[in-house]
Amino acid sequence: MAKQNEIKFLTSTRVEKRQKKYCRFKKMGIRYIDYKDGEFLKKFLNEQGRMLPRRITGNSLKFQRKVAQAIKKARQMAILPYVTDLLK
């Protein structure tokens, strides 16, 4: 059998380590999410105006719920649009 240092590959084998996602609210100590701050809430929306899921934003479940409620309130108050073509 070939030993580990004798094995040759045609292309280099890169093992990229993903950066661990973190909840920005826990890290910064934010407790209240203001629904009147439309620019901050736009970070959690995609180009069509849909909310980004937790697996993409990295929010914890508790704060993802708070973000969702804040976005819904902002939409109701016409701070954020329900649907759009190019939000960002």
C-alpha atoms as a PDB file:
ATOM      1  CA  MET A   1       0.000   0.000   0.000  1.00  0.00           C
ATOM      2  CA  ALA A   2       1.057   3.544  -0.634  1.00  0.00           C
ATOM      3  CA  LYS A   3       1.874   5.685   2.336  1.00  0.00           C
ATOM      4  CA  GLN A   4       0.220   9.052   2.931  1.00  0.00           C
ATOM      5  CA  ASN A   5       3.212  11.110   1.746  1.00  0.00           C
ATOM      6  CA  GLU A   6       3.542   9.057  -1.458  1.00  0.00           C
ATOM      7  CA  ILE A   7       0.027   9.800  -2.774  1.00  0.00           C
ATOM      8  CA  LYS A   8       0.041  12.353  -5.598  1.00  0.00           C
ATOM      9  CA  PHE A   9      -3.005  14.257  -6.841  1.00  0.00           C
ATOM     10  CA  LEU A  10      -3.467  15.912 -10.222  1.00  0.00           C
ATOM     11  CA  THR A  11      -4.982  18.981  -8.574  1.00  0.00           C
ATOM     12  CA  SER A  12      -4.273  20.294  -5.136  1.00  0.00           C
ATOM     13  CA  THR A  13      -6.740  19.271  -2.477  1.00  0.00           C
ATOM     14  CA  ARG A  14      -7.922  22.376  -0.700  1.00  0.00           C
ATOM     15  CA  VAL A  15      -9.739  22.060   2.542  1.00  0.00           C
ATOM     16  CA  GLU A  16     -11.434  25.375   3.158  1.00  0.00           C
ATOM     17  CA  LYS A  17     -12.718  25.966   6.631  1.00  0.00           C
ATOM     18  CA  ARG A  18     -16.012  27.807   6.696  1.00  0.00           C
ATOM     19  CA  GLN A  19     -16.284  30.808   8.912  1.00  0.00           C
ATOM     20  CA  LYS A  20     -18.633  30.020  11.766  1.00  0.00           C
ATOM     21  CA  LYS A  21     -21.882  31.964  11.655  1.00  0.00           C
ATOM     22  CA  TYR A  22     -22.799  33.906  14.743  1.00  0.00           C
ATOM     23  CA  CYS A  23     -25.815  35.776  16.021  1.00  0.00           C
ATOM     24  CA  ARG A  24     -24.925  39.464  15.713  1.00  0.00           C
ATOM     25  CA  PHE A  25     -27.540  40.369  18.318  1.00  0.00           C
ATOM     26  CA  LYS A  26     -26.031  38.133  20.997  1.00  0.00           C
ATOM     27  CA  LYS A  27     -22.513  39.235  20.135  1.00  0.00           C
ATOM     28  CA  MET A  28     -23.310  42.966  20.311  1.00  0.00           C
ATOM     29  CA  GLY A  29     -25.751  42.683  23.204  1.00  0.00           C
ATOM     30  CA  ILE A  30     -28.762  44.039  21.278  1.00  0.00           C
ATOM     31  CA  ARG A  31     -32.023  43.264  23.055  1.00  0.00           C
ATOM     32  CA  TYR A  32     -34.582  45.318  21.123  1.00  0.00           C
ATOM     33  CA  ILE A  33     -34.956  45.409  17.353  1.00  0.00           C
ATOM     34  CA  ASP A  34     -36.456  48.714  16.246  1.00  0.00           C
ATOM     35  CA  TYR A  35     -39.021  48.310  13.477  1.00  0.00           C
ATOM     36  CA  LYS A  36     -38.629  51.994  12.522  1.00  0.00           C
ATOM     37  CA  ASP A  37     -35.033  51.478  11.359  1.00  0.00           C
ATOM     38  CA  GLY A  38     -35.630  50.445   7.759  1.00  0.00           C
ATOM     39  CA  GLU A  39     -31.970  50.500   6.683  1.00  0.00           C
ATOM     40  CA  PHE A  40     -31.010  48.012   9.392  1.00  0.00           C
ATOM     41  CA  LEU A  41     -33.910  45.705   8.549  1.00  0.00           C
ATOM     42  CA  LYS A  42     -32.942  45.711   4.852  1.00  0.00           C
ATOM     43  CA  LYS A  43     -29.921  43.586   5.803  1.00  0.00           C
ATOM     44  CA  PHE A  44     -32.332  40.733   6.488  1.00  0.00           C
ATOM     45  CA  LEU A  45     -34.171  41.008   3.144  1.00  0.00           C
ATOM     46  CA  ASN A  46     -33.153  39.816  -0.305  1.00  0.00           C
ATOM     47  CA  GLU A  47     -33.539  41.776  -3.568  1.00  0.00           C
ATOM     48  CA  GLN A  48     -37.187  40.797  -3.949  1.00  0.00           C
ATOM     49  CA  GLY A  49     -38.052  41.926  -0.429  1.00  0.00           C
ATOM     50  CA  ARG A  50     -38.317  38.456   1.100  1.00  0.00           C
ATOM     51  CA  MET A  51     -36.931  37.648   4.543  1.00  0.00           C
ATOM     52  CA  LEU A  52     -33.658  35.732   4.599  1.00  0.00           C
ATOM     53  CA  PRO A  53     -33.661  32.463   6.561  1.00  0.00           C
ATOM     54  CA  ARG A  54     -31.631  31.768   9.695  1.00  0.00           C
ATOM     55  CA  ARG A  55     -29.193  29.508   7.893  1.00  0.00           C
ATOM     56  CA  ILE A  56     -28.079  32.462   5.773  1.00  0.00           C
ATOM     57  CA  THR A  57     -28.187  35.301   8.329  1.00  0.00           C
ATOM     58  CA  GLY A  58     -26.814  33.273  11.233  1.00  0.00           C
ATOM     59  CA  ASN A  59     -29.353  34.648  13.722  1.00  0.00           C
ATOM     60  CA  SER A  60     -30.469  32.607  16.688  1.00  0.00           C
ATOM     61  CA  LEU A  61     -34.066  31.417  16.755  1.00  0.00           C
ATOM     62  CA  LYS A  62     -35.065  33.985  19.378  1.00  0.00           C
ATOM     63  CA  PHE A  63     -33.737  36.949  17.405  1.00  0.00           C
ATOM     64  CA  GLN A  64     -34.898  35.619  14.038  1.00  0.00           C
ATOM     65  CA  ARG A  65     -38.444  35.735  15.404  1.00  0.00           C
ATOM     66  CA  LYS A  66     -37.910  39.297  16.628  1.00  0.00           C
ATOM     67  CA  VAL A  67     -36.505  40.327  13.244  1.00  0.00           C
ATOM     68  CA  ALA A  68     -39.504  38.752  11.485  1.00  0.00           C
ATOM     69  CA  GLN A  69     -41.939  40.636  13.716  1.00  0.00           C
ATOM     70  CA  ALA A  70     -40.052  43.912  13.178  1.00  0.00           C
ATOM     71  CA  ILE A  71     -40.078  43.436   9.393  1.00  0.00           C
ATOM     72  CA  LYS A  72     -43.813  42.709   9.434  1.00  0.00           C
ATOM     73  CA  LYS A  73     -44.482  45.835  11.502  1.00  0.00           C
ATOM     74  CA  ALA A  74     -42.291  47.935   9.206  1.00  0.00           C
ATOM     75  CA  ARG A  75     -44.165  46.642   6.170  1.00  0.00           C
ATOM     76  CA  GLN A  76     -47.479  47.479   7.783  1.00  0.00           C
ATOM     77  CA  MET A  77     -46.261  51.015   8.561  1.00  0.00           C
ATOM     78  CA  ALA A  78     -45.011  51.354   4.927  1.00  0.00           C
ATOM     79  CA  ILE A  79     -41.356  51.672   5.972  1.00  0.00           C
ATOM     80  CA  LEU A  80     -40.452  48.548   3.976  1.00  0.00           C
ATOM     81  CA  PRO A  81     -42.171  47.300   0.806  1.00  0.00           C
ATOM     82  CA  TYR A  82     -43.932  43.944   0.654  1.00  0.00           C
ATOM     83  CA  VAL A  83     -42.615  43.127  -2.847  1.00  0.00           C
ATOM     84  CA  THR A  84     -40.056  44.865  -5.046  1.00  0.00           C
ATOM     85  CA  ASP A  85     -37.810  44.216  -8.031  1.00  0.00           C
ATOM     86  CA  LEU A  86     -34.541  45.791  -6.844  1.00  0.00           C
ATOM     87  CA  LEU A  87     -34.466  46.602  -3.152  1.00  0.00           C
ATOM     88  CA  LYS A  88     -30.701  46.869  -2.725  1.00  0.00           C
END
